[in-house]
C-alpha atoms as a PDB file:
ATOM      1  CA  UNK A   1     -28.589  -5.551   6.684  1.00  0.00           C
ATOM      2  CA  UNK A   2     -25.396  -3.697   5.702  1.00  0.00           C
ATOM      3  CA  UNK A   3     -22.792  -5.161   3.357  1.00  0.00           C
ATOM      4  CA  UNK A   4     -19.729  -2.948   3.944  1.00  0.00           C
ATOM      5  CA  UNK A   5     -17.568  -5.407   5.875  1.00  0.00           C
ATOM      6  CA  UNK A   6     -18.569  -8.388   3.726  1.00  0.00           C
ATOM      7  CA  UNK A   7     -17.562  -6.386   0.668  1.00  0.00           C
ATOM      8  CA  UNK A   8     -14.289  -5.274   2.287  1.00  0.00           C
ATOM      9  CA  UNK A   9     -13.480  -8.899   3.120  1.00  0.00           C
ATOM     10  CA  UNK A  10     -13.506  -9.585  -0.615  1.00  0.00           C
ATOM     11  CA  UNK A  11     -10.159  -7.775  -0.913  1.00  0.00           C
ATOM     12  CA  UNK A  12      -8.663 -11.255  -0.584  1.00  0.00           C
ATOM     13  CA  UNK A  13     -10.119 -12.100  -4.003  1.00  0.00           C
ATOM     14  CA  UNK A  14      -8.502  -9.161  -5.825  1.00  0.00           C
ATOM     15  CA  UNK A  15      -5.259 -10.320  -7.379  1.00  0.00           C
ATOM     16  CA  UNK A  16      -2.427  -7.804  -7.663  1.00  0.00           C
ATOM     17  CA  UNK A  17       0.220  -7.489 -10.372  1.00  0.00           C
ATOM     18  CA  UNK A  18      -2.177  -8.836 -13.012  1.00  0.00           C
ATOM     19  CA  UNK A  19       0.144  -8.155 -15.945  1.00  0.00           C
ATOM     20  CA  UNK A  20       3.159  -9.829 -14.340  1.00  0.00           C
ATOM     21  CA  UNK A  21       4.040 -13.479 -13.786  1.00  0.00           C
ATOM     22  CA  UNK A  22       4.344 -13.799 -10.004  1.00  0.00           C
ATOM     23  CA  UNK A  23       6.203 -16.568  -8.208  1.00  0.00           C
ATOM     24  CA  UNK A  24       4.451 -15.422  -5.015  1.00  0.00           C
ATOM     25  CA  UNK A  25       0.835 -14.434  -5.750  1.00  0.00           C
ATOM     26  CA  UNK A  26      -0.445 -11.464  -3.753  1.00  0.00           C
ATOM     27  CA  UNK A  27      -3.962 -10.241  -3.113  1.00  0.00           C
ATOM     28  CA  UNK A  28      -5.275  -6.859  -1.971  1.00  0.00           C
ATOM     29  CA  UNK A  29      -5.981  -8.033   1.589  1.00  0.00           C
ATOM     30  CA  UNK A  30      -2.376  -9.162   2.080  1.00  0.00           C
ATOM     31  CA  UNK A  31      -1.114  -6.004   0.466  1.00  0.00           C
ATOM     32  CA  UNK A  32      -3.354  -3.776   2.588  1.00  0.00           C
ATOM     33  CA  UNK A  33      -2.075  -5.389   5.788  1.00  0.00           C
ATOM     34  CA  UNK A  34       1.536  -4.860   4.757  1.00  0.00           C
ATOM     35  CA  UNK A  35       0.895  -1.251   3.709  1.00  0.00           C
ATOM     36  CA  UNK A  36      -0.872  -0.618   7.040  1.00  0.00           C
ATOM     37  CA  UNK A  37       2.080  -1.956   9.033  1.00  0.00           C
ATOM     38  CA  UNK A  38       4.606   0.039   6.989  1.00  0.00           C
ATOM     39  CA  UNK A  39       2.507   3.226   7.110  1.00  0.00           C
ATOM     40  CA  UNK A  40       2.128   2.903  10.868  1.00  0.00           C
ATOM     41  CA  UNK A  41       5.894   2.502  11.190  1.00  0.00           C
ATOM     42  CA  UNK A  42       6.482   5.547   8.990  1.00  0.00           C
ATOM     43  CA  UNK A  43       4.078   7.590  11.112  1.00  0.00           C
ATOM     44  CA  UNK A  44       5.783   6.550  14.347  1.00  0.00           C
ATOM     45  CA  UNK A  45       9.177   7.526  12.884  1.00  0.00           C
ATOM     46  CA  UNK A  46       7.738  10.819  11.662  1.00  0.00           C
ATOM     47  CA  UNK A  47       6.181  11.669  15.010  1.00  0.00           C
ATOM     48  CA  UNK A  48       8.968  10.466  17.312  1.00  0.00           C
ATOM     49  CA  UNK A  49      12.118  11.249  15.336  1.00  0.00           C
ATOM     50  CA  UNK A  50      11.062  14.109  13.074  1.00  0.00           C
ATOM     51  CA  UNK A  51       8.510  15.839  15.329  1.00  0.00           C
ATOM     52  CA  UNK A  52       5.738  15.674  12.762  1.00  0.00           C
ATOM     53  CA  UNK A  53       2.204  16.303  13.967  1.00  0.00           C
ATOM     54  CA  UNK A  54       0.743  12.957  12.941  1.00  0.00           C
ATOM     55  CA  UNK A  55      -1.430  10.312  14.569  1.00  0.00           C
ATOM     56  CA  UNK A  56       0.007   6.861  13.719  1.00  0.00           C
ATOM     57  CA  UNK A  57      -3.339   5.146  14.419  1.00  0.00           C
ATOM     58  CA  UNK A  58      -5.107   7.436  11.940  1.00  0.00           C
ATOM     59  CA  UNK A  59      -2.447   6.651   9.337  1.00  0.00           C
ATOM     60  CA  UNK A  60      -2.895   2.955  10.108  1.00  0.00           C
ATOM     61  CA  UNK A  61      -6.647   3.178   9.448  1.00  0.00           C
ATOM     62  CA  UNK A  62      -6.109   5.135   6.221  1.00  0.00           C
ATOM     63  CA  UNK A  63      -3.732   2.428   5.043  1.00  0.00           C
ATOM     64  CA  UNK A  64      -6.088  -0.430   5.936  1.00  0.00           C
ATOM     65  CA  UNK A  65      -8.712   1.042   3.587  1.00  0.00           C
ATOM     66  CA  UNK A  66      -6.382   2.567   0.964  1.00  0.00           C
ATOM     67  CA  UNK A  67      -7.352   0.019  -1.719  1.00  0.00           C
ATOM     68  CA  UNK A  68     -10.854  -0.802  -0.471  1.00  0.00           C
ATOM     69  CA  UNK A  69     -12.476   0.584  -3.618  1.00  0.00           C
ATOM     70  CA  UNK A  70     -10.767  -2.176  -5.599  1.00  0.00           C
ATOM     71  CA  UNK A  71     -13.421  -4.627  -4.381  1.00  0.00           C
ATOM     72  CA  UNK A  72     -15.603  -2.785  -6.891  1.00  0.00           C
ATOM     73  CA  UNK A  73     -13.108  -1.547  -9.500  1.00  0.00           C
ATOM     74  CA  UNK A  74     -10.565  -4.355  -9.441  1.00  0.00           C
ATOM     75  CA  UNK A  75      -6.835  -3.617  -9.448  1.00  0.00           C
ATOM     76  CA  UNK A  76      -6.055  -1.627 -12.568  1.00  0.00           C
ATOM     77  CA  UNK A  77      -2.386  -2.137 -13.488  1.00  0.00           C
ATOM     78  CA  UNK A  78      -0.188   0.903 -12.846  1.00  0.00           C
ATOM     79  CA  UNK A  79       1.022   1.260 -16.454  1.00  0.00           C
ATOM     80  CA  UNK A  80      -2.595   1.677 -17.552  1.00  0.00           C
ATOM     81  CA  UNK A  81      -3.761   3.767 -14.601  1.00  0.00           C
ATOM     82  CA  UNK A  82      -1.055   6.397 -15.119  1.00  0.00           C
ATOM     83  CA  UNK A  83      -0.680   6.226 -18.900  1.00  0.00           C
ATOM     84  CA  UNK A  84      -2.223   9.658 -19.429  1.00  0.00           C
ATOM     85  CA  UNK A  85      -3.867  12.477 -17.508  1.00  0.00           C
ATOM     86  CA  UNK A  86      -7.161  11.573 -19.180  1.00  0.00           C
ATOM     87  CA  UNK A  87      -7.004   7.958 -17.971  1.00  0.00           C
ATOM     88  CA  UNK A  88      -5.864   9.050 -14.520  1.00  0.00           C
ATOM     89  CA  UNK A  89      -8.827  11.428 -14.240  1.00  0.00           C
ATOM     90  CA  UNK A  90     -11.284   8.811 -15.493  1.00  0.00           C
ATOM     91  CA  UNK A  91      -9.958   6.237 -13.054  1.00  0.00           C
ATOM     92  CA  UNK A  92     -10.179   8.751 -10.204  1.00  0.00           C
ATOM     93  CA  UNK A  93     -13.842   9.306 -11.059  1.00  0.00           C
ATOM     94  CA  UNK A  94     -14.450   5.558 -10.993  1.00  0.00           C
ATOM     95  CA  UNK A  95     -12.677   5.281  -7.620  1.00  0.00           C
ATOM     96  CA  UNK A  96     -14.798   8.134  -6.252  1.00  0.00           C
ATOM     97  CA  UNK A  97     -17.987   6.376  -7.355  1.00  0.00           C
ATOM     98  CA  UNK A  98     -16.769   3.118  -5.802  1.00  0.00           C
ATOM     99  CA  UNK A  99     -15.957   4.925  -2.545  1.00  0.00           C
ATOM    100  CA  UNK A 100     -19.474   6.366  -2.430  1.00  0.00           C
ATOM    101  CA  UNK A 101     -20.978   2.963  -3.151  1.00  0.00           C
ATOM    102  CA  UNK A 102     -18.976   1.408  -0.307  1.00  0.00           C
ATOM    103  CA  UNK A 103     -19.854   4.265   2.051  1.00  0.00           C
ATOM    104  CA  UNK A 104     -23.538   3.725   1.286  1.00  0.00           C
ATOM    105  CA  UNK A 105     -23.166   0.120   2.480  1.00  0.00           C
ATOM    106  CA  UNK A 106     -22.678   1.388   6.042  1.00  0.00           C
ATOM    107  CA  UNK A 107     -25.414   2.445   8.449  1.00  0.00           C
ATOM    108  CA  UNK A 108     -25.994   6.154   8.029  1.00  0.00           C
ATOM    109  CA  UNK A 109     -24.568   7.056  11.445  1.00  0.00           C
ATOM    110  CA  UNK A 110     -21.229   5.350  10.584  1.00  0.00           C
ATOM    111  CA  UNK A 111     -20.715   6.892   7.148  1.00  0.00           C
ATOM    112  CA  UNK A 112     -19.123  10.097   8.390  1.00  0.00           C
ATOM    113  CA  UNK A 113     -16.483   8.124  10.283  1.00  0.00           C
ATOM    114  CA  UNK A 114     -15.542   5.932   7.311  1.00  0.00           C
ATOM    115  CA  UNK A 115     -15.886   8.413   4.433  1.00  0.00           C
ATOM    116  CA  UNK A 116     -12.424   9.993   5.024  1.00  0.00           C
ATOM    117  CA  UNK A 117     -10.794   6.553   4.847  1.00  0.00           C
ATOM    118  CA  UNK A 118     -12.429   5.699   1.539  1.00  0.00           C
ATOM    119  CA  UNK A 119     -11.989   8.999  -0.288  1.00  0.00           C
ATOM    120  CA  UNK A 120      -8.619  10.236  -1.426  1.00  0.00           C
ATOM    121  CA  UNK A 121      -6.904  13.410  -0.419  1.00  0.00           C
ATOM    122  CA  UNK A 122      -3.465  14.920  -0.319  1.00  0.00           C
ATOM    123  CA  UNK A 123      -2.701  15.582   3.339  1.00  0.00           C
ATOM    124  CA  UNK A 124       0.482  14.463   5.099  1.00  0.00           C
ATOM    125  CA  UNK A 125      -1.084  11.267   6.492  1.00  0.00           C
ATOM    126  CA  UNK A 126      -2.046  10.180   2.967  1.00  0.00           C
ATOM    127  CA  UNK A 127       1.461  10.963   1.736  1.00  0.00           C
ATOM    128  CA  UNK A 128       2.730   8.479   4.308  1.00  0.00           C
ATOM    129  CA  UNK A 129       0.255   5.874   3.057  1.00  0.00           C
ATOM    130  CA  UNK A 130       1.324   6.489  -0.552  1.00  0.00           C
ATOM    131  CA  UNK A 131       4.961   6.075   0.471  1.00  0.00           C
ATOM    132  CA  UNK A 132       4.091   2.867   2.336  1.00  0.00           C
ATOM    133  CA  UNK A 133       2.258   1.605  -0.758  1.00  0.00           C
ATOM    134  CA  UNK A 134       5.368   2.242  -2.833  1.00  0.00           C
ATOM    135  CA  UNK A 135       7.616   0.553  -0.246  1.00  0.00           C
ATOM    136  CA  UNK A 136       5.292  -2.458  -0.268  1.00  0.00           C
ATOM    137  CA  UNK A 137       5.545  -2.635  -4.069  1.00  0.00           C
ATOM    138  CA  UNK A 138       9.331  -2.465  -3.830  1.00  0.00           C
ATOM    139  CA  UNK A 139       9.346  -5.242  -1.210  1.00  0.00           C
ATOM    140  CA  UNK A 140       7.207  -7.346  -3.565  1.00  0.00           C
ATOM    141  CA  UNK A 141       9.802  -6.875  -6.295  1.00  0.00           C
ATOM    142  CA  UNK A 142      12.635  -7.854  -3.940  1.00  0.00           C
ATOM    143  CA  UNK A 143      10.764 -10.978  -2.839  1.00  0.00           C
ATOM    144  CA  UNK A 144      10.070 -11.972  -6.455  1.00  0.00           C
ATOM    145  CA  UNK A 145      13.719 -11.440  -7.361  1.00  0.00           C
ATOM    146  CA  UNK A 146      14.796 -13.534  -4.385  1.00  0.00           C
ATOM    147  CA  UNK A 147      12.511 -16.297  -5.699  1.00  0.00           C
ATOM    148  CA  UNK A 148      14.422 -16.152  -8.998  1.00  0.00           C
ATOM    149  CA  UNK A 149      11.725 -14.279 -10.915  1.00  0.00           C
ATOM    150  CA  UNK A 150      13.309 -11.681 -13.205  1.00  0.00           C
ATOM    151  CA  UNK A 151       9.880 -10.471 -14.322  1.00  0.00           C
ATOM    152  CA  UNK A 152      10.117  -7.871 -11.524  1.00  0.00           C
ATOM    153  CA  UNK A 153      13.654  -6.596 -12.213  1.00  0.00           C
ATOM    154  CA  UNK A 154      12.689  -3.466 -14.170  1.00  0.00           C
ATOM    155  CA  UNK A 155       9.730  -2.684 -11.894  1.00  0.00           C
ATOM    156  CA  UNK A 156      11.970  -3.018  -8.838  1.00  0.00           C
ATOM    157  CA  UNK A 157      14.545  -0.645 -10.269  1.00  0.00           C
ATOM    158  CA  UNK A 158      11.894   1.910 -11.257  1.00  0.00           C
ATOM    159  CA  UNK A 159      10.259   1.773  -7.828  1.00  0.00           C
ATOM    160  CA  UNK A 160      13.638   2.023  -6.063  1.00  0.00           C
ATOM    161  CA  UNK A 161      14.427   5.182  -8.027  1.00  0.00           C
ATOM    162  CA  UNK A 162      11.022   6.679  -7.261  1.00  0.00           C
ATOM    163  CA  UNK A 163      11.477   5.917  -3.554  1.00  0.00           C
ATOM    164  CA  UNK A 164      14.805   7.774  -3.606  1.00  0.00           C
ATOM    165  CA  UNK A 165      12.949  10.845  -4.899  1.00  0.00           C
ATOM    166  CA  UNK A 166      10.571  11.018  -1.939  1.00  0.00           C
ATOM    167  CA  UNK A 167      11.633  14.008   0.139  1.00  0.00           C
ATOM    168  CA  UNK A 168      10.519  12.642   3.502  1.00  0.00           C
ATOM    169  CA  UNK A 169      13.298  11.646   5.909  1.00  0.00           C
ATOM    170  CA  UNK A 170      11.080   9.093   7.649  1.00  0.00           C
ATOM    171  CA  UNK A 171      10.630   7.271   4.340  1.00  0.00           C
ATOM    172  CA  UNK A 172      14.359   7.225   3.616  1.00  0.00           C
ATOM    173  CA  UNK A 173      15.088   6.025   7.152  1.00  0.00           C
ATOM    174  CA  UNK A 174      12.505   3.239   6.898  1.00  0.00           C
ATOM    175  CA  UNK A 175      13.942   2.066   3.570  1.00  0.00           C
ATOM    176  CA  UNK A 176      17.511   2.058   4.975  1.00  0.00           C
ATOM    177  CA  UNK A 177      16.590   0.471   8.296  1.00  0.00           C
ATOM    178  CA  UNK A 178      13.916  -2.085   7.479  1.00  0.00           C
ATOM    179  CA  UNK A 179      13.760  -2.930   3.768  1.00  0.00           C
ATOM    180  CA  UNK A 180      17.060  -4.868   3.512  1.00  0.00           C
ATOM    181  CA  UNK A 181      15.640  -7.461   5.920  1.00  0.00           C
ATOM    182  CA  UNK A 182      13.080  -8.462   3.285  1.00  0.00           C
ATOM    183  CA  UNK A 183      15.895 -10.005   1.215  1.00  0.00           C
ATOM    184  CA  UNK A 184      16.879 -12.420   4.010  1.00  0.00           C
ATOM    185  CA  UNK A 185      15.835 -16.003   4.595  1.00  0.00           C
ATOM    186  CA  UNK A 186      14.142 -17.026   7.836  1.00  0.00           C
ATOM    187  CA  UNK A 187      17.425 -18.517   9.081  1.00  0.00           C
ATOM    188  CA  UNK A 188      19.195 -15.232   8.358  1.00  0.00           C
ATOM    189  CA  UNK A 189      16.474 -13.264  10.156  1.00  0.00           C
ATOM    190  CA  UNK A 190      16.754 -15.555  13.186  1.00  0.00           C
ATOM    191  CA  UNK A 191      20.562 -15.362  13.296  1.00  0.00           C
ATOM    192  CA  UNK A 192      21.503 -11.729  12.734  1.00  0.00           C
ATOM    193  CA  UNK A 193      25.071 -12.450  13.864  1.00  0.00           C
ATOM    194  CA  UNK A 194      25.529 -14.661  10.830  1.00  0.00           C
ATOM    195  CA  UNK A 195      26.414 -17.947  12.519  1.00  0.00           C
ATOM    196  CA  UNK A 196      23.959 -20.790  12.069  1.00  0.00           C
END
């Protein structure tokens, strides 16, 4: 018996934004799906409009598993995770151990296929996933603000500024083209001409 997929399914139990009061609670499974969709979109833009050598399906898979280790570690709030180089290094070690533990839950002949999705790296595909993760966080802030929750105002502004600093045209294009739609109601999305 192998527990990998049962463990991964527990992403739905990991609550995000633990230090913030959320009007719209979010879990890691929901977040991972949104990051996967955004990352896939970024990769398609990168490949088709900016001639980057990238496989959108590979990026999609990386994004699906980008927070998988949190079924073991939990979601450590960003202000703590990045408070110092020492904490960042310690947390990275914990994530590496969690990734190995998850990998060991697979049959031996599958481990080589999944290991790259569970262990970090710094290649271009992972940069797209990191950008998608940041876009997802920004979207969360916009949705909370739209719900009247000012708890996310400062976080939203900080994330917006950090997104502007990403020197990847596909990221900037995605933010310009798709992110404003997240501030609309369903009626507004269904009636782009503006008349109801």
